[in-house]
Amino acid sequence: MSAGRKYRHHEHAEPTTSTIRAGILILGLIVIATLIATVPHLLWP
């Protein structure tokens, strides 16, 4: 059972980096979407 817990803990510890990467990608997409949405308003007030 301890081996299963160890594996589970390792499995839980690994997605943190991929979760951070996904968060950065999502933030980047939000920033790009915001720029696309705001730039036309800046060009044509």
Protein backbone atom coordinates (compact mmCIF):
# COMPACT_ATOMS: atom_id res chain seq x y z
CA MET A 1 0.00 0.00 0.00
CA SER A 2 2.91 2.34 0.76
CA ALA A 3 4.25 1.67 -2.73
CA GLY A 4 0.89 2.69 -4.18
CA ARG A 5 0.92 5.84 -2.10
CA LYS A 6 4.45 6.61 -3.24
CA TYR A 7 3.44 6.22 -6.90
CA ARG A 8 0.35 8.32 -6.34
CA HIS A 9 2.42 11.04 -4.68
CA HIS A 10 4.90 11.00 -7.57
CA GLU A 11 2.02 11.19 -10.02
CA HIS A 12 0.59 14.15 -8.13
CA ALA A 13 3.97 15.89 -7.92
CA GLU A 14 4.61 15.73 -11.67
CA PRO A 15 1.56 17.59 -13.07
CA THR A 16 2.59 20.75 -11.14
CA THR A 17 5.07 21.79 -13.86
CA SER A 18 2.62 20.97 -16.66
CA THR A 19 -0.12 22.79 -14.75
CA ILE A 20 2.12 25.86 -14.45
CA ARG A 21 2.92 25.60 -18.18
CA ALA A 22 -0.79 25.32 -18.98
CA GLY A 23 -1.48 28.34 -16.76
CA ILE A 24 1.21 30.37 -18.55
CA LEU A 25 -0.23 29.33 -21.94
CA ILE A 26 -3.76 30.28 -20.84
CA LEU A 27 -2.52 33.63 -19.49
CA GLY A 28 -0.67 34.24 -22.76
CA LEU A 29 -3.80 33.46 -24.77
CA ILE A 30 -5.84 35.80 -22.55
CA VAL A 31 -3.26 38.57 -23.05
CA ILE A 32 -3.26 38.03 -26.84
CA ALA A 33 -7.07 37.97 -26.91
CA THR A 34 -7.18 41.16 -24.82
CA LEU A 35 -4.72 42.87 -27.18
CA ILE A 36 -6.76 41.78 -30.22
CA ALA A 37 -9.89 43.11 -28.52
CA THR A 38 -8.36 46.45 -27.42
CA VAL A 39 -6.08 47.38 -30.35
CA PRO A 40 -8.97 48.24 -32.75
CA HIS A 41 -10.44 50.52 -30.07
CA LEU A 42 -7.08 52.27 -29.75
CA LEU A 43 -6.82 52.68 -33.54
CA TRP A 44 -10.45 53.74 -33.93
CA PRO A 45 -11.58 55.45 -30.72
